[in-house]
Amino acid sequence: MAAVDYNSLTKDQLKAILDEQGISYKSTDTKGELVALLGG
């Protein structure tokens, strides 16, 4: 399975993935912070 390039996704897509994985985030987090939460 190929790794996902989280930087190519939108903030909404990243938030959806975080929600699916049960990872909490702040609504004020930047895209970079969301990517970091996903280990990107």
PDB file of N, CA and C in Angstrom:
ATOM      1  N   MET A   1       0.850  -1.191   0.000  1.00  0.00           N
ATOM      2  CA  MET A   1       0.000   0.000   0.000  1.00  0.00           C
ATOM      3  C   MET A   1       0.884   1.239   0.000  1.00  0.00           C
ATOM      4  N   ALA A   2       0.643   2.121  -0.926  1.00  0.00           N
ATOM      5  CA  ALA A   2       1.447   3.341  -1.048  1.00  0.00           C
ATOM      6  C   ALA A   2       1.086   4.320   0.063  1.00  0.00           C
ATOM      7  N   ALA A   3       2.088   5.054   0.506  1.00  0.00           N
ATOM      8  CA  ALA A   3       1.859   6.065   1.533  1.00  0.00           C
ATOM      9  C   ALA A   3       1.066   7.221   0.934  1.00  0.00           C
ATOM     10  N   VAL A   4       0.209   7.801   1.735  1.00  0.00           N
ATOM     11  CA  VAL A   4      -0.596   8.933   1.292  1.00  0.00           C
ATOM     12  C   VAL A   4       0.221  10.208   1.453  1.00  0.00           C
ATOM     13  N   ASP A   5       0.182  11.073   0.445  1.00  0.00           N
ATOM     14  CA  ASP A   5       0.839  12.382   0.552  1.00  0.00           C
ATOM     15  C   ASP A   5      -0.175  13.331   1.179  1.00  0.00           C
ATOM     16  N   TYR A   6      -0.097  13.449   2.497  1.00  0.00           N
ATOM     17  CA  TYR A   6      -1.075  14.266   3.214  1.00  0.00           C
ATOM     18  C   TYR A   6      -1.029  15.729   2.788  1.00  0.00           C
ATOM     19  N   ASN A   7       0.139  16.190   2.328  1.00  0.00           N
ATOM     20  CA  ASN A   7       0.254  17.585   1.910  1.00  0.00           C
ATOM     21  C   ASN A   7      -0.576  17.893   0.671  1.00  0.00           C
ATOM     22  N   SER A   8      -0.957  16.849  -0.073  1.00  0.00           N
ATOM     23  CA  SER A   8      -1.744  17.065  -1.287  1.00  0.00           C
ATOM     24  C   SER A   8      -3.245  17.101  -0.990  1.00  0.00           C
ATOM     25  N   LEU A   9      -3.617  16.810   0.254  1.00  0.00           N
ATOM     26  CA  LEU A   9      -5.029  16.797   0.627  1.00  0.00           C
ATOM     27  C   LEU A   9      -5.462  18.161   1.163  1.00  0.00           C
ATOM     28  N   THR A  10      -6.764  18.382   1.158  1.00  0.00           N
ATOM     29  CA  THR A  10      -7.291  19.632   1.722  1.00  0.00           C
ATOM     30  C   THR A  10      -7.417  19.483   3.237  1.00  0.00           C
ATOM     31  N   LYS A  11      -7.590  20.620   3.912  1.00  0.00           N
ATOM     32  CA  LYS A  11      -7.774  20.569   5.370  1.00  0.00           C
ATOM     33  C   LYS A  11      -8.997  19.732   5.724  1.00  0.00           C
ATOM     34  N   ASP A  12     -10.071  19.856   4.957  1.00  0.00           N
ATOM     35  CA  ASP A  12     -11.277  19.082   5.243  1.00  0.00           C
ATOM     36  C   ASP A  12     -11.026  17.587   5.096  1.00  0.00           C
ATOM     37  N   GLN A  13     -10.246  17.207   4.080  1.00  0.00           N
ATOM     38  CA  GLN A  13      -9.920  15.794   3.894  1.00  0.00           C
ATOM     39  C   GLN A  13      -9.066  15.283   5.047  1.00  0.00           C
ATOM     40  N   LEU A  14      -8.104  16.101   5.474  1.00  0.00           N
ATOM     41  CA  LEU A  14      -7.244  15.714   6.596  1.00  0.00           C
ATOM     42  C   LEU A  14      -8.069  15.539   7.863  1.00  0.00           C
ATOM     43  N   LYS A  15      -9.007  16.456   8.107  1.00  0.00           N
ATOM     44  CA  LYS A  15      -9.857  16.365   9.299  1.00  0.00           C
ATOM     45  C   LYS A  15     -10.711  15.102   9.246  1.00  0.00           C
ATOM     46  N   ALA A  16     -11.183  14.734   8.082  1.00  0.00           N
ATOM     47  CA  ALA A  16     -11.990  13.521   7.945  1.00  0.00           C
ATOM     48  C   ALA A  16     -11.164  12.284   8.296  1.00  0.00           C
ATOM     49  N   ILE A  17      -9.914  12.249   7.853  1.00  0.00           N
ATOM     50  CA  ILE A  17      -9.034  11.122   8.168  1.00  0.00           C
ATOM     51  C   ILE A  17      -8.758  11.080   9.670  1.00  0.00           C
ATOM     52  N   LEU A  18      -8.499  12.238  10.268  1.00  0.00           N
ATOM     53  CA  LEU A  18      -8.265  12.300  11.714  1.00  0.00           C
ATOM     54  C   LEU A  18      -9.487  11.809  12.473  1.00  0.00           C
ATOM     55  N   ASP A  19     -10.670  12.209  12.023  1.00  0.00           N
ATOM     56  CA  ASP A  19     -11.907  11.761  12.663  1.00  0.00           C
ATOM     57  C   ASP A  19     -12.039  10.240  12.577  1.00  0.00           C
ATOM     58  N   GLU A  20     -11.743   9.682  11.399  1.00  0.00           N
ATOM     59  CA  GLU A  20     -11.842   8.239  11.196  1.00  0.00           C
ATOM     60  C   GLU A  20     -10.900   7.484  12.121  1.00  0.00           C
ATOM     61  N   GLN A  21      -9.726   8.081  12.381  1.00  0.00           N
ATOM     62  CA  GLN A  21      -8.719   7.421  13.208  1.00  0.00           C
ATOM     63  C   GLN A  21      -8.870   7.769  14.684  1.00  0.00           C
ATOM     64  N   GLY A  22      -9.847   8.598  15.009  1.00  0.00           N
ATOM     65  CA  GLY A  22     -10.083   8.948  16.393  1.00  0.00           C
ATOM     66  C   GLY A  22      -9.019   9.866  16.978  1.00  0.00           C
ATOM     67  N   ILE A  23      -8.354  10.625  16.113  1.00  0.00           N
ATOM     68  CA  ILE A  23      -7.310  11.558  16.557  1.00  0.00           C
ATOM     69  C   ILE A  23      -7.946  12.933  16.725  1.00  0.00           C
ATOM     70  N   SER A  24      -7.754  13.526  17.895  1.00  0.00           N
ATOM     71  CA  SER A  24      -8.356  14.834  18.143  1.00  0.00           C
ATOM     72  C   SER A  24      -7.451  15.944  17.621  1.00  0.00           C
ATOM     73  N   TYR A  25      -8.077  17.036  17.242  1.00  0.00           N
ATOM     74  CA  TYR A  25      -7.381  18.212  16.726  1.00  0.00           C
ATOM     75  C   TYR A  25      -8.203  19.433  17.076  1.00  0.00           C
ATOM     76  N   LYS A  26      -7.562  20.590  16.993  1.00  0.00           N
ATOM     77  CA  LYS A  26      -8.264  21.840  17.256  1.00  0.00           C
ATOM     78  C   LYS A  26      -8.769  22.415  15.938  1.00  0.00           C
ATOM     79  N   SER A  27      -9.885  23.095  15.987  1.00  0.00           N
ATOM     80  CA  SER A  27     -10.431  23.699  14.772  1.00  0.00           C
ATOM     81  C   SER A  27      -9.503  24.786  14.248  1.00  0.00           C
ATOM     82  N   THR A  28      -8.606  25.272  15.104  1.00  0.00           N
ATOM     83  CA  THR A  28      -7.684  26.336  14.705  1.00  0.00           C
ATOM     84  C   THR A  28      -6.354  25.801  14.180  1.00  0.00           C
ATOM     85  N   ASP A  29      -6.177  24.459  14.188  1.00  0.00           N
ATOM     86  CA  ASP A  29      -4.923  23.885  13.698  1.00  0.00           C
ATOM     87  C   ASP A  29      -4.721  24.218  12.220  1.00  0.00           C
ATOM     88  N   THR A  30      -3.478  24.475  11.866  1.00  0.00           N
ATOM     89  CA  THR A  30      -3.148  24.720  10.464  1.00  0.00           C
ATOM     90  C   THR A  30      -3.066  23.391   9.724  1.00  0.00           C
ATOM     91  N   LYS A  31      -3.010  23.469   8.413  1.00  0.00           N
ATOM     92  CA  LYS A  31      -2.879  22.255   7.616  1.00  0.00           C
ATOM     93  C   LYS A  31      -1.609  21.508   8.006  1.00  0.00           C
ATOM     94  N   GLY A  32      -0.523  22.233   8.233  1.00  0.00           N
ATOM     95  CA  GLY A  32       0.738  21.611   8.629  1.00  0.00           C
ATOM     96  C   GLY A  32       0.617  20.865   9.953  1.00  0.00           C
ATOM     97  N   GLU A  33      -0.126  21.443  10.881  1.00  0.00           N
ATOM     98  CA  GLU A  33      -0.329  20.786  12.176  1.00  0.00           C
ATOM     99  C   GLU A  33      -1.167  19.525  12.023  1.00  0.00           C
ATOM    100  N   LEU A  34      -2.152  19.568  11.144  1.00  0.00           N
ATOM    101  CA  LEU A  34      -2.984  18.387  10.898  1.00  0.00           C
ATOM    102  C   LEU A  34      -2.150  17.276  10.269  1.00  0.00           C
ATOM    103  N   VAL A  35      -1.300  17.637   9.317  1.00  0.00           N
ATOM    104  CA  VAL A  35      -0.418  16.656   8.671  1.00  0.00           C
ATOM    105  C   VAL A  35       0.504  16.033   9.717  1.00  0.00           C
ATOM    106  N   ALA A  36       1.038  16.862  10.625  1.00  0.00           N
ATOM    107  CA  ALA A  36       1.940  16.362  11.663  1.00  0.00           C
ATOM    108  C   ALA A  36       1.220  15.355  12.571  1.00  0.00           C
ATOM    109  N   LEU A  37      -0.051  15.605  12.868  1.00  0.00           N
ATOM    110  CA  LEU A  37      -0.817  14.681  13.702  1.00  0.00           C
ATOM    111  C   LEU A  37      -0.944  13.320  13.037  1.00  0.00           C
ATOM    112  N   LEU A  38      -0.964  13.313  11.718  1.00  0.00           N
ATOM    113  CA  LEU A  38      -1.078  12.065  10.964  1.00  0.00           C
ATOM    114  C   LEU A  38       0.282  11.416  10.736  1.00  0.00           C
ATOM    115  N   GLY A  39       1.330  12.037  11.251  1.00  0.00           N
ATOM    116  CA  GLY A  39       2.667  11.474  11.103  1.00  0.00           C
ATOM    117  C   GLY A  39       3.317  11.836   9.786  1.00  0.00           C
ATOM    118  N   GLY A  40       2.780  12.848   9.124  1.00  0.00           N
ATOM    119  CA  GLY A  40       3.324  13.254   7.826  1.00  0.00           C
ATOM    120  C   GLY A  40       4.441  14.240   7.941  1.00  0.00           C
TER     121      GLY A  40
END
